[in-house]
Amino acid sequence: MVDAESYIDTNVFIYRFGNHSTFGKKAHQWIKKVEEAPRGKYATSSLTIYQTLVNNGGLNGQKP
């Protein structure tokens, strides 16, 4: 089981790669923290990555 603080959800990636005006910089800092953490400290799922790609790829039916 993964602790709640250890799971990286879709919104972090969407905010970062979508350059969100409010949360983009904070998400970037958080991802850097995750990159520097010991292996296995954080986790995500393949569905999270897929959802991020769909959202950022404009495949969700929303207009830019």
PDB file of N, CA and C in Angstrom:
ATOM      1  N   MET A   1       0.837  -1.190   0.000  1.00  0.00           N
ATOM      2  CA  MET A   1       0.000   0.000   0.000  1.00  0.00           C
ATOM      3  C   MET A   1       0.876   1.245   0.000  1.00  0.00           C
ATOM      4  N   VAL A   2       0.484   2.252  -0.740  1.00  0.00           N
ATOM      5  CA  VAL A   2       1.230   3.507  -0.833  1.00  0.00           C
ATOM      6  C   VAL A   2       0.588   4.523   0.105  1.00  0.00           C
ATOM      7  N   ASP A   3       1.425   5.225   0.871  1.00  0.00           N
ATOM      8  CA  ASP A   3       0.911   6.287   1.742  1.00  0.00           C
ATOM      9  C   ASP A   3       0.307   7.397   0.898  1.00  0.00           C
ATOM     10  N   ALA A   4      -0.674   8.087   1.445  1.00  0.00           N
ATOM     11  CA  ALA A   4      -1.340   9.172   0.716  1.00  0.00           C
ATOM     12  C   ALA A   4      -0.354  10.257   0.293  1.00  0.00           C
ATOM     13  N   GLU A   5       0.654  10.524   1.123  1.00  0.00           N
ATOM     14  CA  GLU A   5       1.633  11.561   0.800  1.00  0.00           C
ATOM     15  C   GLU A   5       2.611  11.126  -0.290  1.00  0.00           C
ATOM     16  N   SER A   6       2.626   9.852  -0.623  1.00  0.00           N
ATOM     17  CA  SER A   6       3.612   9.313  -1.552  1.00  0.00           C
ATOM     18  C   SER A   6       3.084   9.128  -2.967  1.00  0.00           C
ATOM     19  N   TYR A   7       1.809   9.263  -3.178  1.00  0.00           N
ATOM     20  CA  TYR A   7       1.227   9.012  -4.496  1.00  0.00           C
ATOM     21  C   TYR A   7       1.177  10.305  -5.308  1.00  0.00           C
ATOM     22  N   ILE A   8       1.639  10.252  -6.552  1.00  0.00           N
ATOM     23  CA  ILE A   8       1.632  11.422  -7.427  1.00  0.00           C
ATOM     24  C   ILE A   8       0.425  11.297  -8.349  1.00  0.00           C
ATOM     25  N   ASP A   9      -0.518  12.194  -8.215  1.00  0.00           N
ATOM     26  CA  ASP A   9      -1.753  12.125  -8.990  1.00  0.00           C
ATOM     27  C   ASP A   9      -1.645  12.970 -10.263  1.00  0.00           C
ATOM     28  N   THR A  10      -2.631  12.818 -11.106  1.00  0.00           N
ATOM     29  CA  THR A  10      -2.658  13.451 -12.421  1.00  0.00           C
ATOM     30  C   THR A  10      -2.506  14.964 -12.349  1.00  0.00           C
ATOM     31  N   ASN A  11      -3.150  15.597 -11.393  1.00  0.00           N
ATOM     32  CA  ASN A  11      -3.151  17.063 -11.345  1.00  0.00           C
ATOM     33  C   ASN A  11      -1.751  17.652 -11.253  1.00  0.00           C
ATOM     34  N   VAL A  12      -0.825  16.988 -10.577  1.00  0.00           N
ATOM     35  CA  VAL A  12       0.543  17.506 -10.463  1.00  0.00           C
ATOM     36  C   VAL A  12       1.175  17.613 -11.848  1.00  0.00           C
ATOM     37  N   PHE A  13       1.033  16.574 -12.649  1.00  0.00           N
ATOM     38  CA  PHE A  13       1.611  16.584 -13.997  1.00  0.00           C
ATOM     39  C   PHE A  13       0.890  17.572 -14.910  1.00  0.00           C
ATOM     40  N   ILE A  14      -0.417  17.638 -14.802  1.00  0.00           N
ATOM     41  CA  ILE A  14      -1.186  18.558 -15.647  1.00  0.00           C
ATOM     42  C   ILE A  14      -0.824  20.005 -15.327  1.00  0.00           C
ATOM     43  N   TYR A  15      -0.730  20.338 -14.047  1.00  0.00           N
ATOM     44  CA  TYR A  15      -0.338  21.694 -13.665  1.00  0.00           C
ATOM     45  C   TYR A  15       1.062  22.027 -14.176  1.00  0.00           C
ATOM     46  N   ARG A  16       1.984  21.073 -14.060  1.00  0.00           N
ATOM     47  CA  ARG A  16       3.368  21.324 -14.474  1.00  0.00           C
ATOM     48  C   ARG A  16       3.499  21.458 -15.983  1.00  0.00           C
ATOM     49  N   PHE A  17       3.035  20.473 -16.708  1.00  0.00           N
ATOM     50  CA  PHE A  17       3.251  20.453 -18.150  1.00  0.00           C
ATOM     51  C   PHE A  17       2.276  21.343 -18.905  1.00  0.00           C
ATOM     52  N   GLY A  18       1.197  21.757 -18.234  1.00  0.00           N
ATOM     53  CA  GLY A  18       0.265  22.696 -18.829  1.00  0.00           C
ATOM     54  C   GLY A  18       0.579  24.136 -18.481  1.00  0.00           C
ATOM     55  N   ASN A  19       1.679  24.354 -17.750  1.00  0.00           N
ATOM     56  CA  ASN A  19       2.081  25.704 -17.331  1.00  0.00           C
ATOM     57  C   ASN A  19       0.938  26.460 -16.666  1.00  0.00           C
ATOM     58  N   HIS A  20       0.293  25.813 -15.727  1.00  0.00           N
ATOM     59  CA  HIS A  20      -0.820  26.426 -15.005  1.00  0.00           C
ATOM     60  C   HIS A  20      -0.358  27.709 -14.322  1.00  0.00           C
ATOM     61  N   SER A  21      -1.132  28.768 -14.481  1.00  0.00           N
ATOM     62  CA  SER A  21      -0.731  30.089 -13.979  1.00  0.00           C
ATOM     63  C   SER A  21      -0.613  30.144 -12.457  1.00  0.00           C
ATOM     64  N   THR A  22      -1.413  29.394 -11.738  1.00  0.00           N
ATOM     65  CA  THR A  22      -1.377  29.428 -10.285  1.00  0.00           C
ATOM     66  C   THR A  22      -0.510  28.327  -9.692  1.00  0.00           C
ATOM     67  N   PHE A  23      -0.637  27.107 -10.202  1.00  0.00           N
ATOM     68  CA  PHE A  23       0.014  25.958  -9.578  1.00  0.00           C
ATOM     69  C   PHE A  23       1.186  25.370 -10.369  1.00  0.00           C
ATOM     70  N   GLY A  24       1.482  25.902 -11.540  1.00  0.00           N
ATOM     71  CA  GLY A  24       2.533  25.345 -12.386  1.00  0.00           C
ATOM     72  C   GLY A  24       3.909  25.346 -11.745  1.00  0.00           C
ATOM     73  N   LYS A  25       4.291  26.457 -11.154  1.00  0.00           N
ATOM     74  CA  LYS A  25       5.614  26.563 -10.538  1.00  0.00           C
ATOM     75  C   LYS A  25       5.718  25.653  -9.316  1.00  0.00           C
ATOM     76  N   LYS A  26       4.680  25.616  -8.514  1.00  0.00           N
ATOM     77  CA  LYS A  26       4.682  24.757  -7.322  1.00  0.00           C
ATOM     78  C   LYS A  26       4.747  23.285  -7.726  1.00  0.00           C
ATOM     79  N   ALA A  27       4.020  22.911  -8.768  1.00  0.00           N
ATOM     80  CA  ALA A  27       4.060  21.533  -9.246  1.00  0.00           C
ATOM     81  C   ALA A  27       5.453  21.183  -9.748  1.00  0.00           C
ATOM     82  N   HIS A  28       6.101  22.123 -10.428  1.00  0.00           N
ATOM     83  CA  HIS A  28       7.473  21.905 -10.908  1.00  0.00           C
ATOM     84  C   HIS A  28       8.412  21.657  -9.730  1.00  0.00           C
ATOM     85  N   GLN A  29       8.303  22.456  -8.687  1.00  0.00           N
ATOM     86  CA  GLN A  29       9.141  22.289  -7.497  1.00  0.00           C
ATOM     87  C   GLN A  29       8.877  20.934  -6.840  1.00  0.00           C
ATOM     88  N   TRP A  30       7.631  20.535  -6.804  1.00  0.00           N
ATOM     89  CA  TRP A  30       7.269  19.267  -6.192  1.00  0.00           C
ATOM     90  C   TRP A  30       7.846  18.102  -6.994  1.00  0.00           C
ATOM     91  N   ILE A  31       7.777  18.178  -8.317  1.00  0.00           N
ATOM     92  CA  ILE A  31       8.327  17.117  -9.165  1.00  0.00           C
ATOM     93  C   ILE A  31       9.840  17.038  -8.981  1.00  0.00           C
ATOM     94  N   LYS A  32      10.520  18.172  -8.842  1.00  0.00           N
ATOM     95  CA  LYS A  32      11.962  18.154  -8.581  1.00  0.00           C
ATOM     96  C   LYS A  32      12.260  17.439  -7.260  1.00  0.00           C
ATOM     97  N   LYS A  33      11.437  17.686  -6.247  1.00  0.00           N
ATOM     98  CA  LYS A  33      11.595  17.027  -4.958  1.00  0.00           C
ATOM     99  C   LYS A  33      11.428  15.510  -5.114  1.00  0.00           C
ATOM    100  N   VAL A  34      10.469  15.101  -5.911  1.00  0.00           N
ATOM    101  CA  VAL A  34      10.231  13.681  -6.157  1.00  0.00           C
ATOM    102  C   VAL A  34      11.436  13.063  -6.873  1.00  0.00           C
ATOM    103  N   GLU A  35      11.985  13.780  -7.863  1.00  0.00           N
ATOM    104  CA  GLU A  35      13.138  13.273  -8.603  1.00  0.00           C
ATOM    105  C   GLU A  35      14.349  13.054  -7.703  1.00  0.00           C
ATOM    106  N   GLU A  36      14.494  13.861  -6.673  1.00  0.00           N
ATOM    107  CA  GLU A  36      15.640  13.769  -5.776  1.00  0.00           C
ATOM    108  C   GLU A  36      15.428  12.781  -4.634  1.00  0.00           C
ATOM    109  N   ALA A  37      14.222  12.285  -4.467  1.00  0.00           N
ATOM    110  CA  ALA A  37      13.898  11.360  -3.382  1.00  0.00           C
ATOM    111  C   ALA A  37      14.446   9.964  -3.679  1.00  0.00           C
ATOM    112  N   PRO A  38      14.635   9.177  -2.646  1.00  0.00           N
ATOM    113  CA  PRO A  38      15.089   7.803  -2.862  1.00  0.00           C
ATOM    114  C   PRO A  38      14.074   7.011  -3.694  1.00  0.00           C
ATOM    115  N   ARG A  39      14.586   6.094  -4.488  1.00  0.00           N
ATOM    116  CA  ARG A  39      13.733   5.267  -5.333  1.00  0.00           C
ATOM    117  C   ARG A  39      12.715   4.519  -4.471  1.00  0.00           C
ATOM    118  N   GLY A  40      11.472   4.545  -4.900  1.00  0.00           N
ATOM    119  CA  GLY A  40      10.409   3.853  -4.188  1.00  0.00           C
ATOM    120  C   GLY A  40       9.667   4.698  -3.175  1.00  0.00           C
ATOM    121  N   LYS A  41      10.119   5.921  -2.931  1.00  0.00           N
ATOM    122  CA  LYS A  41       9.443   6.800  -1.961  1.00  0.00           C
ATOM    123  C   LYS A  41       8.114   7.303  -2.508  1.00  0.00           C
ATOM    124  N   TYR A  42       8.044   7.530  -3.826  1.00  0.00           N
ATOM    125  CA  TYR A  42       6.828   8.020  -4.461  1.00  0.00           C
ATOM    126  C   TYR A  42       6.388   7.030  -5.529  1.00  0.00           C
ATOM    127  N   ALA A  43       5.099   7.063  -5.827  1.00  0.00           N
ATOM    128  CA  ALA A  43       4.558   6.151  -6.843  1.00  0.00           C
ATOM    129  C   ALA A  43       3.445   6.840  -7.612  1.00  0.00           C
ATOM    130  N   THR A  44       3.172   6.334  -8.793  1.00  0.00           N
ATOM    131  CA  THR A  44       2.031   6.751  -9.595  1.00  0.00           C
ATOM    132  C   THR A  44       1.578   5.532 -10.378  1.00  0.00           C
ATOM    133  N   SER A  45       0.629   5.701 -11.253  1.00  0.00           N
ATOM    134  CA  SER A  45       0.168   4.556 -12.042  1.00  0.00           C
ATOM    135  C   SER A  45       0.236   4.883 -13.528  1.00  0.00           C
ATOM    136  N   SER A  46       0.157   3.853 -14.330  1.00  0.00           N
ATOM    137  CA  SER A  46       0.159   4.070 -15.776  1.00  0.00           C
ATOM    138  C   SER A  46      -1.092   4.835 -16.191  1.00  0.00           C
ATOM    139  N   LEU A  47      -2.194   4.672 -15.475  1.00  0.00           N
ATOM    140  CA  LEU A  47      -3.414   5.417 -15.779  1.00  0.00           C
ATOM    141  C   LEU A  47      -3.205   6.914 -15.548  1.00  0.00           C
ATOM    142  N   THR A  48      -2.458   7.273 -14.523  1.00  0.00           N
ATOM    143  CA  THR A  48      -2.154   8.680 -14.269  1.00  0.00           C
ATOM    144  C   THR A  48      -1.381   9.278 -15.430  1.00  0.00           C
ATOM    145  N   ILE A  49      -0.401   8.564 -15.931  1.00  0.00           N
ATOM    146  CA  ILE A  49       0.387   9.045 -17.067  1.00  0.00           C
ATOM    147  C   ILE A  49      -0.514   9.166 -18.296  1.00  0.00           C
ATOM    148  N   TYR A  50      -1.367   8.180 -18.520  1.00  0.00           N
ATOM    149  CA  TYR A  50      -2.287   8.214 -19.664  1.00  0.00           C
ATOM    150  C   TYR A  50      -3.229   9.421 -19.568  1.00  0.00           C
ATOM    151  N   GLN A  51      -3.799   9.643 -18.400  1.00  0.00           N
ATOM    152  CA  GLN A  51      -4.707  10.777 -18.215  1.00  0.00           C
ATOM    153  C   GLN A  51      -3.990  12.102 -18.481  1.00  0.00           C
ATOM    154  N   THR A  52      -2.750  12.207 -18.060  1.00  0.00           N
ATOM    155  CA  THR A  52      -1.969  13.423 -18.301  1.00  0.00           C
ATOM    156  C   THR A  52      -1.749  13.633 -19.794  1.00  0.00           C
ATOM    157  N   LEU A  53      -1.397  12.564 -20.496  1.00  0.00           N
ATOM    158  CA  LEU A  53      -1.183  12.667 -21.936  1.00  0.00           C
ATOM    159  C   LEU A  53      -2.460  13.047 -22.670  1.00  0.00           C
ATOM    160  N   VAL A  54      -3.581  12.453 -22.280  1.00  0.00           N
ATOM    161  CA  VAL A  54      -4.862  12.774 -22.912  1.00  0.00           C
ATOM    162  C   VAL A  54      -5.214  14.232 -22.670  1.00  0.00           C
ATOM    163  N   ASN A  55      -5.058  14.685 -21.440  1.00  0.00           N
ATOM    164  CA  ASN A  55      -5.397  16.068 -21.114  1.00  0.00           C
ATOM    165  C   ASN A  55      -4.495  17.054 -21.834  1.00  0.00           C
ATOM    166  N   ASN A  56      -3.203  16.848 -21.757  1.00  0.00           N
ATOM    167  CA  ASN A  56      -2.260  17.789 -22.373  1.00  0.00           C
ATOM    168  C   ASN A  56      -2.209  17.654 -23.878  1.00  0.00           C
ATOM    169  N   GLY A  57      -2.631  16.514 -24.417  1.00  0.00           N
ATOM    170  CA  GLY A  57      -2.644  16.317 -25.840  1.00  0.00           C
ATOM    171  C   GLY A  57      -3.894  16.869 -26.509  1.00  0.00           C
ATOM    172  N   GLY A  58      -4.805  17.394 -25.710  1.00  0.00           N
ATOM    173  CA  GLY A  58      -6.026  17.974 -26.248  1.00  0.00           C
ATOM    174  C   GLY A  58      -7.014  16.930 -26.739  1.00  0.00           C
ATOM    175  N   LEU A  59      -6.885  15.725 -26.246  1.00  0.00           N
ATOM    176  CA  LEU A  59      -7.759  14.643 -26.696  1.00  0.00           C
ATOM    177  C   LEU A  59      -9.007  14.482 -25.813  1.00  0.00           C
ATOM    178  N   ASN A  60      -9.226  15.437 -24.916  1.00  0.00           N
ATOM    179  CA  ASN A  60     -10.349  15.327 -23.986  1.00  0.00           C
ATOM    180  C   ASN A  60     -11.582  16.069 -24.463  1.00  0.00           C
ATOM    181  N   GLY A  61     -11.542  16.615 -25.664  1.00  0.00           N
ATOM    182  CA  GLY A  61     -12.713  17.296 -26.223  1.00  0.00           C
ATOM    183  C   GLY A  61     -12.840  18.750 -25.839  1.00  0.00           C
ATOM    184  N   GLN A  62     -11.949  19.254 -24.990  1.00  0.00           N
ATOM    185  CA  GLN A  62     -12.003  20.661 -24.599  1.00  0.00           C
ATOM    186  C   GLN A  62     -11.215  21.493 -25.580  1.00  0.00           C
ATOM    187  N   LYS A  63     -11.680  22.705 -25.802  1.00  0.00           N
ATOM    188  CA  LYS A  63     -10.961  23.638 -26.667  1.00  0.00           C
ATOM    189  C   LYS A  63      -9.839  24.292 -25.875  1.00  0.00           C
ATOM    190  N   PRO A  64      -8.697  24.560 -26.512  1.00  0.00           N
ATOM    191  CA  PRO A  64      -7.570  25.193 -25.803  1.00  0.00           C
ATOM    192  C   PRO A  64      -7.894  26.595 -25.337  1.00  0.00           C
TER     193      PRO A  64
END
